[in-house]
Amino acid sequence: MEHLQVELDSLRKELNEMNLLVLDQVKKAKVILLDNRPQLIKEVASTEKLVNAKELQIDSRCETILALFTPVAIDLRFVLSALKINVNLERVGDIADNIGRMVAHSKVTFDKELLKKVEAEKAFDAAIDMFDCLMQSFDKDDTMLVRNIFTKDEVIDDIMERSIPIVEEYAKSNPDNISQAMPLLSIMKMLERMGDHLKNIAEEIVFYAEARVLKHGGEKNK
């Protein structure tokens, strides 16, 4: 049992490290878009390699724990959730990397007023707030904090919905700047997807801490 706890503690530490790496990517993607600093994409790409390596490391530890220690109850739920949390974090990192690459490849300076209208900064900030809530709830196994994540995800969803007609109108009114409109709409959709992945992580925290399934709108006791 002592060896199992050591492995579980190491797994928790590695997940926190993964969280911080991906959060760094998201913050850099925000700067790349809002401050027009595509040169930062090299830093995001470098972090992406670290994230991929960390993902494999976490997968390996989970497999080792399952194979050698056969955990049960909350320990088993934690390992199973860790596998899914790991996947979702890696995908959030991919999204941040894709946002940076899209800005770099578009080779345009995005209209500051348009960025303000679509609430791009607010969407990024909501995602970053979700990370903060996740890290606190994960460290403390506090599922009450997790509920804030669902609210922030709704904020991002609402921003995405409002951004569509705004970008469409901008494209019609500024045909010479159509090269901004399409990439920006894709970026807003990616931010919405980012929020979905972070919400998935919140659901996994509730699963292992409370043995309740919130996935697909369901809720049942284990």
Protein backbone atom coordinates (compact mmCIF):
# COMPACT_ATOMS: atom_id res chain seq x y z
CA MET A 1 0.00 0.00 0.00
CA GLU A 2 2.90 2.34 0.78
CA HIS A 3 4.37 1.80 -2.70
CA LEU A 4 0.98 2.44 -4.28
CA GLN A 5 0.65 5.76 -2.47
CA VAL A 6 4.10 6.81 -3.64
CA GLU A 7 3.09 6.08 -7.23
CA LEU A 8 -0.23 7.94 -6.84
CA ASP A 9 1.54 10.96 -5.37
CA SER A 10 3.98 10.96 -8.27
CA LEU A 11 1.10 10.72 -10.73
CA ARG A 12 -0.63 13.68 -9.13
CA LYS A 13 2.62 15.68 -9.29
CA GLU A 14 3.08 14.86 -12.98
CA LEU A 15 -0.48 15.91 -13.78
CA ASN A 16 0.11 19.24 -12.06
CA GLU A 17 3.27 19.70 -14.12
CA MET A 18 1.32 18.89 -17.28
CA ASN A 19 -1.33 21.40 -16.26
CA LEU A 20 1.26 24.15 -15.84
CA LEU A 21 2.87 23.39 -19.20
CA VAL A 22 -0.44 23.57 -21.05
CA LEU A 23 -1.48 26.71 -19.17
CA ASP A 24 1.75 28.33 -20.34
CA GLN A 25 0.84 27.45 -23.92
CA VAL A 26 -2.63 28.99 -23.55
CA LYS A 27 -1.20 32.21 -22.09
CA LYS A 28 1.31 32.49 -24.93
CA ALA A 29 -1.41 31.84 -27.54
CA LYS A 30 -3.35 34.73 -26.00
CA VAL A 31 -0.36 37.06 -26.35
CA ILE A 32 0.30 35.89 -29.91
CA LEU A 33 -3.23 36.83 -30.97
CA LEU A 34 -4.00 39.92 -28.89
CA ASP A 35 -0.54 41.53 -28.98
CA ASN A 36 0.33 40.36 -32.50
CA ARG A 37 3.48 38.50 -31.49
CA PRO A 38 3.63 35.51 -33.86
CA GLN A 39 7.32 35.11 -33.06
CA LEU A 40 6.23 33.44 -29.81
CA ILE A 41 5.02 30.43 -31.80
CA LYS A 42 8.53 28.97 -31.47
CA GLU A 43 8.14 28.99 -27.70
CA VAL A 44 4.71 27.40 -27.94
CA ALA A 45 6.05 24.73 -30.28
CA SER A 46 8.91 24.03 -27.87
CA THR A 47 6.48 23.64 -24.97
CA GLU A 48 4.34 21.39 -27.17
CA LYS A 49 7.22 18.91 -27.32
CA LEU A 50 7.43 18.94 -23.52
CA VAL A 51 3.68 18.39 -23.27
CA ASN A 52 3.83 15.41 -25.61
CA ALA A 53 6.68 13.88 -23.61
CA LYS A 54 4.82 14.47 -20.35
CA GLU A 55 1.69 12.86 -21.80
CA LEU A 56 3.63 9.67 -22.55
CA GLN A 57 5.21 9.73 -19.10
CA ILE A 58 1.82 10.00 -17.39
CA ASP A 59 0.35 7.24 -19.55
CA SER A 60 3.25 4.99 -18.64
CA ARG A 61 2.85 5.64 -14.92
CA CYS A 62 -0.89 4.93 -15.08
CA GLU A 63 -0.23 1.64 -16.88
CA THR A 64 2.37 0.70 -14.28
CA ILE A 65 0.02 1.44 -11.38
CA LEU A 66 -2.79 -0.58 -12.93
CA ALA A 67 -0.54 -3.52 -13.77
CA LEU A 68 1.48 -3.75 -10.57
CA PHE A 69 -0.76 -2.48 -7.78
CA THR A 70 -4.34 -3.25 -8.92
CA PRO A 71 -5.81 -0.21 -7.15
CA VAL A 72 -9.46 -0.24 -6.02
CA ALA A 73 -12.18 2.25 -5.08
CA ILE A 74 -11.07 5.90 -5.16
CA ASP A 75 -7.48 4.97 -6.10
CA LEU A 76 -8.70 3.13 -9.17
CA ARG A 77 -11.01 5.99 -10.09
CA PHE A 78 -8.11 8.42 -9.72
CA VAL A 79 -5.90 6.48 -12.13
CA LEU A 80 -8.69 6.06 -14.68
CA SER A 81 -9.50 9.76 -14.44
CA ALA A 82 -5.82 10.66 -14.73
CA LEU A 83 -5.68 8.92 -18.11
CA LYS A 84 -8.58 11.00 -19.40
CA ILE A 85 -7.35 14.23 -17.80
CA ASN A 86 -4.00 13.64 -19.49
CA VAL A 87 -5.62 13.27 -22.92
CA ASN A 88 -7.74 16.39 -22.50
CA LEU A 89 -4.77 18.48 -21.34
CA GLU A 90 -2.73 17.35 -24.35
CA ARG A 91 -5.58 18.38 -26.66
CA VAL A 92 -5.83 21.79 -25.02
CA GLY A 93 -2.12 22.17 -25.67
CA ASP A 94 -2.68 21.24 -29.31
CA ILE A 95 -5.39 23.89 -29.58
CA ALA A 96 -3.11 26.57 -28.14
CA ASP A 97 -0.40 25.53 -30.58
CA ASN A 98 -2.88 25.64 -33.48
CA ILE A 99 -4.06 29.12 -32.50
CA GLY A 100 -0.48 30.35 -32.51
CA ARG A 101 0.22 28.74 -35.87
CA MET A 102 -2.94 30.16 -37.39
CA VAL A 103 -1.97 33.68 -36.36
CA ALA A 104 1.56 33.20 -37.66
CA HIS A 105 0.46 31.70 -40.97
CA SER A 106 -2.25 34.31 -41.59
CA LYS A 107 0.46 37.00 -41.67
CA VAL A 108 -2.01 39.73 -40.77
CA THR A 109 -2.34 42.10 -37.84
CA PHE A 110 -5.78 41.44 -36.44
CA ASP A 111 -8.02 44.47 -36.08
CA LYS A 112 -7.94 45.46 -32.40
CA GLU A 113 -11.51 46.68 -32.52
CA LEU A 114 -12.69 43.41 -34.06
CA LEU A 115 -10.86 41.42 -31.37
CA LYS A 116 -12.59 43.55 -28.77
CA LYS A 117 -16.02 43.05 -30.33
CA VAL A 118 -15.72 39.27 -30.44
CA GLU A 119 -14.47 39.31 -26.83
CA ALA A 120 -11.39 37.24 -27.66
CA GLU A 121 -9.56 38.38 -24.50
CA LYS A 122 -12.55 37.54 -22.33
CA ALA A 123 -12.70 34.03 -23.83
CA PHE A 124 -8.99 33.47 -23.17
CA ASP A 125 -9.33 34.80 -19.63
CA ALA A 126 -12.27 32.46 -18.96
CA ALA A 127 -10.16 29.50 -20.11
CA ILE A 128 -7.26 30.59 -17.91
CA ASP A 129 -9.65 30.97 -14.96
CA MET A 130 -10.82 27.40 -15.64
CA PHE A 131 -7.21 26.24 -15.31
CA ASP A 132 -6.88 28.00 -11.96
CA CYS A 133 -10.06 26.37 -10.66
CA LEU A 134 -8.93 22.98 -11.95
CA MET A 135 -5.57 23.17 -10.22
CA GLN A 136 -7.10 24.23 -6.91
CA SER A 137 -9.85 21.61 -7.02
CA PHE A 138 -7.38 18.91 -8.10
CA ASP A 139 -4.93 19.72 -5.28
CA LYS A 140 -7.66 19.78 -2.64
CA ASP A 141 -10.06 17.22 -4.15
CA ASP A 142 -12.61 20.03 -3.75
CA THR A 143 -15.46 19.42 -6.16
CA MET A 144 -17.24 22.60 -5.10
CA LEU A 145 -14.54 24.58 -6.92
CA VAL A 146 -15.13 22.46 -10.01
CA ARG A 147 -18.60 23.91 -10.42
CA ASN A 148 -17.06 27.27 -11.34
CA ILE A 149 -15.51 25.58 -14.37
CA PHE A 150 -18.89 24.68 -15.82
CA THR A 151 -19.96 28.33 -15.50
CA LYS A 152 -16.81 29.55 -17.27
CA ASP A 153 -17.38 27.05 -20.09
CA GLU A 154 -20.83 28.53 -20.62
CA VAL A 155 -19.25 31.98 -20.79
CA ILE A 156 -16.95 30.83 -23.61
CA ASP A 157 -19.86 29.14 -25.42
CA ASP A 158 -21.88 32.36 -25.26
CA ILE A 159 -18.95 34.41 -26.55
CA MET A 160 -18.52 32.03 -29.47
CA GLU A 161 -22.20 32.27 -30.35
CA ARG A 162 -22.11 36.07 -30.28
CA SER A 163 -18.90 36.23 -32.32
CA ILE A 164 -20.32 34.53 -35.42
CA PRO A 165 -22.62 37.35 -36.62
CA ILE A 166 -20.00 39.93 -35.62
CA VAL A 167 -17.33 38.33 -37.81
CA GLU A 168 -19.81 37.80 -40.64
CA GLU A 169 -20.77 41.47 -40.57
CA TYR A 170 -17.12 42.51 -40.46
CA ALA A 171 -16.36 40.38 -43.52
CA LYS A 172 -19.23 41.98 -45.45
CA SER A 173 -18.25 45.51 -44.43
CA ASN A 174 -14.51 45.01 -44.92
CA PRO A 175 -14.04 42.75 -47.97
CA ASP A 176 -10.39 43.76 -48.20
CA ASN A 177 -9.83 42.30 -44.72
CA ILE A 178 -11.50 38.94 -45.32
CA SER A 179 -8.13 37.35 -44.51
CA GLN A 180 -8.74 38.34 -40.88
CA ALA A 181 -12.34 37.23 -40.59
CA MET A 182 -12.02 33.54 -41.42
CA PRO A 183 -8.97 32.79 -39.23
CA LEU A 184 -10.51 34.69 -36.33
CA LEU A 185 -13.73 32.72 -36.54
CA SER A 186 -11.69 29.50 -36.51
CA ILE A 187 -9.77 30.73 -33.47
CA MET A 188 -13.00 31.49 -31.60
CA LYS A 189 -14.23 27.97 -32.39
CA MET A 190 -10.96 26.57 -31.08
CA LEU A 191 -11.39 28.51 -27.84
CA GLU A 192 -14.86 27.02 -27.49
CA ARG A 193 -13.37 23.55 -27.96
CA MET A 194 -10.70 24.35 -25.39
CA GLY A 195 -13.42 25.11 -22.88
CA ASP A 196 -15.06 21.77 -23.66
CA HIS A 197 -11.85 19.87 -22.90
CA LEU A 198 -11.37 21.73 -19.62
CA LYS A 199 -14.96 20.95 -18.68
CA ASN A 200 -14.22 17.28 -19.41
CA ILE A 201 -11.37 17.45 -16.90
CA ALA A 202 -13.71 18.94 -14.29
CA GLU A 203 -16.12 16.04 -14.83
CA GLU A 204 -13.27 13.57 -14.26
CA ILE A 205 -12.38 15.25 -10.96
CA VAL A 206 -15.98 14.85 -9.82
CA PHE A 207 -15.92 11.22 -10.95
CA TYR A 208 -12.90 10.15 -8.94
CA ALA A 209 -13.64 12.33 -5.89
CA GLU A 210 -17.36 11.61 -5.57
CA ALA A 211 -17.89 8.51 -7.71
CA ARG A 212 -20.44 10.41 -9.76
CA VAL A 213 -20.67 10.52 -13.53
CA LEU A 214 -21.59 13.89 -15.04
CA LYS A 215 -20.61 12.99 -18.60
CA HIS A 216 -23.27 13.47 -21.29
CA GLY A 217 -25.49 15.23 -18.77
CA GLY A 218 -25.83 12.07 -16.69
CA GLU A 219 -25.32 11.58 -13.00
CA LYS A 220 -25.28 8.27 -11.22
CA ASN A 221 -23.77 6.75 -8.15
CA LYS A 222 -21.02 4.17 -8.38
